Structure formats: C-alpha cells, structure tokens
Amino acid sequence: MAEDLKVVIKSVDMGEEMQSEAIEVTTQAVKQSVQEKDMAAHIKREFDKKYQPTWHCIVGKSFGSYVTHETKHFIYFYIGNLAVLLFKSG
C-alpha cells in the first residue's frame, strides 16, 4: 500500500497548511499501520495534539457519511485506495 500513495482531495473546508498536515500525518499512518482503525487513531491523536480536540477520523475503502463540522475544519480525500474523512466537531 505504501508504494502507491496518490492523494486525491474530494471535498475540503480547511486552510492549505492544515490540508498539507492532514496529508502528511495520513501518509505516516498508512506507512506505519496495517489496520484502518489504527491509521484513524493516529491521525485523530495528531490533530487533537496540534489543533486542539475534538477531531474525528474515519479511514476505509467503503463508507458513507453525513457529518456536521466546525468551519474550516473538514477534509475528505483518498490516499491510494483508502478514503479518509477528518473533521473537527465538539
């Protein structure tokens, strides 16, 4: 998986710097973890640390979602064949 990490942003409401951080942290998570739940946990922890709680992260190959997020705190993208939904709420 780590060899093909093409990133495609599908929907975003987030500044450029935070977007870059999301992609960087996700790339680390994909390279370090085998299970999607571990990837999501890593991304959430890093964003809670850097940008204050409460962040939510979903990683997977097939899921639907409908969420409410804080303004400028949402990104949905693919990295390789995995979808990543990261948003702050609460």
N, C-alpha and C. Protein backbone atom coordinates (compact mmCIF):
# COMPACT_ATOMS: atom_id res chain seq x y z
N MET A 1 0.83 -1.20 0.00
CA MET A 1 0.00 0.00 0.00
C MET A 1 0.86 1.25 0.00
N ALA A 2 1.92 1.26 0.76
CA ALA A 2 2.72 2.48 0.93
C ALA A 2 3.38 2.95 -0.37
N GLU A 3 3.50 2.06 -1.37
CA GLU A 3 4.15 2.45 -2.61
C GLU A 3 3.27 3.39 -3.44
N ASP A 4 1.96 3.18 -3.43
CA ASP A 4 1.05 3.97 -4.26
C ASP A 4 0.22 4.89 -3.38
N LEU A 5 0.77 6.06 -3.06
CA LEU A 5 0.08 6.96 -2.15
C LEU A 5 -0.40 8.23 -2.86
N LYS A 6 -0.99 8.04 -4.03
CA LYS A 6 -1.55 9.18 -4.74
C LYS A 6 -2.68 9.78 -3.91
N VAL A 7 -2.66 11.09 -3.76
CA VAL A 7 -3.67 11.79 -2.96
C VAL A 7 -4.63 12.52 -3.89
N VAL A 8 -5.93 12.29 -3.66
CA VAL A 8 -6.98 12.98 -4.41
C VAL A 8 -7.95 13.58 -3.40
N ILE A 9 -7.99 14.90 -3.32
CA ILE A 9 -8.90 15.58 -2.40
C ILE A 9 -10.28 15.65 -3.05
N LYS A 10 -11.29 15.15 -2.35
CA LYS A 10 -12.66 15.11 -2.87
C LYS A 10 -13.48 16.30 -2.39
N SER A 11 -13.30 16.69 -1.13
CA SER A 11 -14.05 17.80 -0.56
C SER A 11 -13.22 18.38 0.59
N VAL A 12 -13.20 19.72 0.67
CA VAL A 12 -12.36 20.32 1.70
C VAL A 12 -12.93 21.67 2.14
N ASP A 13 -12.86 21.89 3.45
CA ASP A 13 -13.14 23.19 4.05
C ASP A 13 -12.08 23.36 5.13
N MET A 14 -10.88 23.75 4.69
CA MET A 14 -9.71 23.76 5.56
C MET A 14 -8.61 24.55 4.87
N GLY A 15 -7.81 25.27 5.65
CA GLY A 15 -6.70 26.03 5.09
C GLY A 15 -5.63 25.14 4.48
N GLU A 16 -4.82 25.73 3.61
CA GLU A 16 -3.77 24.98 2.90
C GLU A 16 -2.79 24.29 3.85
N GLU A 17 -2.36 25.00 4.89
CA GLU A 17 -1.38 24.44 5.82
C GLU A 17 -1.95 23.22 6.54
N MET A 18 -3.20 23.32 6.98
CA MET A 18 -3.84 22.20 7.67
C MET A 18 -4.06 21.03 6.70
N GLN A 19 -4.40 21.32 5.45
CA GLN A 19 -4.55 20.26 4.44
C GLN A 19 -3.24 19.50 4.27
N SER A 20 -2.15 20.24 4.15
CA SER A 20 -0.84 19.60 4.00
C SER A 20 -0.50 18.74 5.20
N GLU A 21 -0.83 19.23 6.38
CA GLU A 21 -0.59 18.46 7.61
C GLU A 21 -1.43 17.18 7.60
N ALA A 22 -2.68 17.27 7.17
CA ALA A 22 -3.55 16.09 7.11
C ALA A 22 -2.96 15.03 6.19
N ILE A 23 -2.47 15.45 5.04
CA ILE A 23 -1.89 14.51 4.09
C ILE A 23 -0.59 13.91 4.64
N GLU A 24 0.23 14.73 5.26
CA GLU A 24 1.50 14.25 5.83
C GLU A 24 1.25 13.25 6.96
N VAL A 25 0.36 13.59 7.88
CA VAL A 25 0.06 12.70 9.01
C VAL A 25 -0.57 11.40 8.51
N THR A 26 -1.43 11.49 7.51
CA THR A 26 -2.07 10.30 6.96
C THR A 26 -1.05 9.42 6.26
N THR A 27 -0.13 10.01 5.54
CA THR A 27 0.93 9.24 4.88
C THR A 27 1.74 8.46 5.91
N GLN A 28 2.09 9.10 7.01
CA GLN A 28 2.80 8.42 8.10
C GLN A 28 1.97 7.26 8.63
N ALA A 29 0.69 7.51 8.86
CA ALA A 29 -0.20 6.48 9.42
C ALA A 29 -0.30 5.27 8.50
N VAL A 30 -0.42 5.51 7.20
CA VAL A 30 -0.54 4.42 6.24
C VAL A 30 0.75 3.60 6.21
N LYS A 31 1.87 4.25 6.30
CA LYS A 31 3.16 3.55 6.27
C LYS A 31 3.42 2.77 7.55
N GLN A 32 2.89 3.25 8.69
CA GLN A 32 3.18 2.63 9.99
C GLN A 32 2.15 1.59 10.41
N SER A 33 0.94 1.66 9.88
CA SER A 33 -0.15 0.82 10.38
C SER A 33 -0.66 -0.12 9.31
N VAL A 34 -1.18 -1.25 9.77
CA VAL A 34 -1.79 -2.21 8.86
C VAL A 34 -3.31 -2.04 8.88
N GLN A 35 -3.87 -1.86 10.06
CA GLN A 35 -5.32 -1.77 10.20
C GLN A 35 -5.81 -0.33 10.07
N GLU A 36 -6.94 -0.20 9.41
CA GLU A 36 -7.53 1.13 9.19
C GLU A 36 -7.85 1.84 10.50
N LYS A 37 -8.31 1.10 11.51
CA LYS A 37 -8.66 1.73 12.79
C LYS A 37 -7.42 2.33 13.46
N ASP A 38 -6.26 1.70 13.28
CA ASP A 38 -5.02 2.23 13.83
C ASP A 38 -4.58 3.50 13.09
N MET A 39 -4.79 3.51 11.77
CA MET A 39 -4.50 4.71 10.98
C MET A 39 -5.36 5.87 11.46
N ALA A 40 -6.66 5.62 11.61
CA ALA A 40 -7.59 6.66 12.05
C ALA A 40 -7.22 7.17 13.43
N ALA A 41 -6.85 6.27 14.33
CA ALA A 41 -6.47 6.67 15.69
C ALA A 41 -5.23 7.57 15.67
N HIS A 42 -4.25 7.21 14.85
CA HIS A 42 -3.02 8.01 14.74
C HIS A 42 -3.34 9.42 14.23
N ILE A 43 -4.13 9.51 13.18
CA ILE A 43 -4.48 10.81 12.59
C ILE A 43 -5.23 11.66 13.61
N LYS A 44 -6.21 11.07 14.28
CA LYS A 44 -7.01 11.80 15.28
C LYS A 44 -6.13 12.32 16.41
N ARG A 45 -5.26 11.46 16.94
CA ARG A 45 -4.37 11.87 18.04
C ARG A 45 -3.47 13.04 17.63
N GLU A 46 -2.91 12.96 16.44
CA GLU A 46 -2.01 14.02 15.98
C GLU A 46 -2.76 15.35 15.80
N PHE A 47 -3.98 15.29 15.27
CA PHE A 47 -4.74 16.53 15.07
C PHE A 47 -5.27 17.07 16.40
N ASP A 48 -5.64 16.20 17.32
CA ASP A 48 -6.03 16.67 18.66
C ASP A 48 -4.87 17.41 19.32
N LYS A 49 -3.66 16.87 19.16
CA LYS A 49 -2.46 17.50 19.75
C LYS A 49 -2.15 18.85 19.12
N LYS A 50 -2.14 18.88 17.80
CA LYS A 50 -1.69 20.09 17.10
C LYS A 50 -2.77 21.16 16.99
N TYR A 51 -4.04 20.74 16.81
CA TYR A 51 -5.11 21.70 16.54
C TYR A 51 -6.22 21.69 17.58
N GLN A 52 -5.97 21.13 18.74
CA GLN A 52 -6.93 21.06 19.85
C GLN A 52 -8.09 20.11 19.54
N PRO A 53 -8.59 19.41 20.57
CA PRO A 53 -9.72 18.49 20.39
C PRO A 53 -10.99 19.26 20.02
N THR A 54 -11.95 18.63 19.46
CA THR A 54 -12.13 17.20 19.30
C THR A 54 -12.24 16.88 17.80
N TRP A 55 -11.25 16.12 17.32
CA TRP A 55 -11.22 15.69 15.92
C TRP A 55 -11.79 14.29 15.81
N HIS A 56 -12.34 13.98 14.65
CA HIS A 56 -12.89 12.66 14.34
C HIS A 56 -12.28 12.22 13.02
N CYS A 57 -11.95 10.94 12.92
CA CYS A 57 -11.32 10.43 11.70
C CYS A 57 -11.88 9.07 11.34
N ILE A 58 -12.21 8.91 10.07
CA ILE A 58 -12.69 7.64 9.54
C ILE A 58 -11.80 7.28 8.36
N VAL A 59 -11.30 6.05 8.34
CA VAL A 59 -10.45 5.57 7.26
C VAL A 59 -11.03 4.26 6.76
N GLY A 60 -11.19 4.12 5.45
CA GLY A 60 -11.72 2.87 4.92
C GLY A 60 -11.85 2.90 3.42
N LYS A 61 -12.26 1.74 2.89
CA LYS A 61 -12.41 1.61 1.44
C LYS A 61 -13.85 1.82 0.99
N SER A 62 -14.79 1.70 1.91
CA SER A 62 -16.19 1.86 1.52
C SER A 62 -17.02 2.30 2.73
N PHE A 63 -17.46 3.54 2.71
CA PHE A 63 -18.34 4.03 3.77
C PHE A 63 -19.09 5.25 3.27
N GLY A 64 -20.24 5.47 3.85
CA GLY A 64 -20.99 6.69 3.59
C GLY A 64 -20.92 7.56 4.83
N SER A 65 -21.14 8.84 4.66
CA SER A 65 -21.09 9.72 5.82
C SER A 65 -21.95 10.95 5.59
N TYR A 66 -22.36 11.54 6.70
CA TYR A 66 -23.06 12.82 6.70
C TYR A 66 -22.76 13.43 8.04
N VAL A 67 -21.90 14.44 8.08
CA VAL A 67 -21.42 14.97 9.35
C VAL A 67 -21.57 16.49 9.41
N THR A 68 -21.60 16.99 10.62
CA THR A 68 -21.54 18.43 10.87
C THR A 68 -20.15 18.72 11.42
N HIS A 69 -19.51 19.74 10.87
CA HIS A 69 -18.15 20.05 11.29
C HIS A 69 -18.01 21.54 11.55
N GLU A 70 -16.99 21.87 12.31
CA GLU A 70 -16.68 23.28 12.54
C GLU A 70 -16.14 23.88 11.23
N THR A 71 -16.47 25.13 10.98
CA THR A 71 -16.00 25.81 9.78
C THR A 71 -14.47 25.76 9.70
N LYS A 72 -13.98 25.47 8.50
CA LYS A 72 -12.54 25.40 8.22
C LYS A 72 -11.84 24.22 8.91
N HIS A 73 -12.59 23.18 9.23
CA HIS A 73 -12.02 22.02 9.91
C HIS A 73 -12.56 20.71 9.33
N PHE A 74 -12.47 20.54 8.00
CA PHE A 74 -13.01 19.35 7.33
C PHE A 74 -12.19 19.04 6.09
N ILE A 75 -11.87 17.75 5.93
CA ILE A 75 -11.26 17.29 4.68
C ILE A 75 -11.67 15.84 4.43
N TYR A 76 -11.96 15.55 3.16
CA TYR A 76 -12.28 14.21 2.71
C TYR A 76 -11.42 13.95 1.48
N PHE A 77 -10.57 12.93 1.57
CA PHE A 77 -9.65 12.66 0.46
C PHE A 77 -9.32 11.17 0.38
N TYR A 78 -8.77 10.80 -0.76
CA TYR A 78 -8.26 9.45 -0.96
C TYR A 78 -6.75 9.50 -0.92
N ILE A 79 -6.18 8.47 -0.30
CA ILE A 79 -4.73 8.25 -0.35
C ILE A 79 -4.57 6.80 -0.79
N GLY A 80 -4.06 6.62 -1.98
CA GLY A 80 -4.09 5.29 -2.58
C GLY A 80 -5.54 4.88 -2.76
N ASN A 81 -5.88 3.69 -2.26
CA ASN A 81 -7.27 3.22 -2.39
C ASN A 81 -8.07 3.41 -1.11
N LEU A 82 -7.54 4.15 -0.15
CA LEU A 82 -8.23 4.40 1.11
C LEU A 82 -8.84 5.80 1.14
N ALA A 83 -10.08 5.87 1.60
CA ALA A 83 -10.73 7.16 1.82
C ALA A 83 -10.46 7.60 3.25
N VAL A 84 -10.26 8.90 3.43
CA VAL A 84 -10.02 9.47 4.76
C VAL A 84 -10.96 10.65 4.95
N LEU A 85 -11.72 10.58 6.03
CA LEU A 85 -12.61 11.68 6.42
C LEU A 85 -12.10 12.19 7.76
N LEU A 86 -11.72 13.45 7.81
CA LEU A 86 -11.17 14.05 9.02
C LEU A 86 -11.89 15.37 9.26
N PHE A 87 -12.46 15.51 10.46
CA PHE A 87 -13.19 16.74 10.76
C PHE A 87 -13.19 17.01 12.25
N LYS A 88 -13.39 18.27 12.59
CA LYS A 88 -13.46 18.69 13.98
C LYS A 88 -14.90 19.04 14.30
N SER A 89 -15.37 18.53 15.44
CA SER A 89 -16.72 18.81 15.90
C SER A 89 -16.77 18.58 17.40
N GLY A 90 -17.29 19.54 18.12
CA GLY A 90 -17.40 19.36 19.57
C GLY A 90 -16.40 20.20 20.26
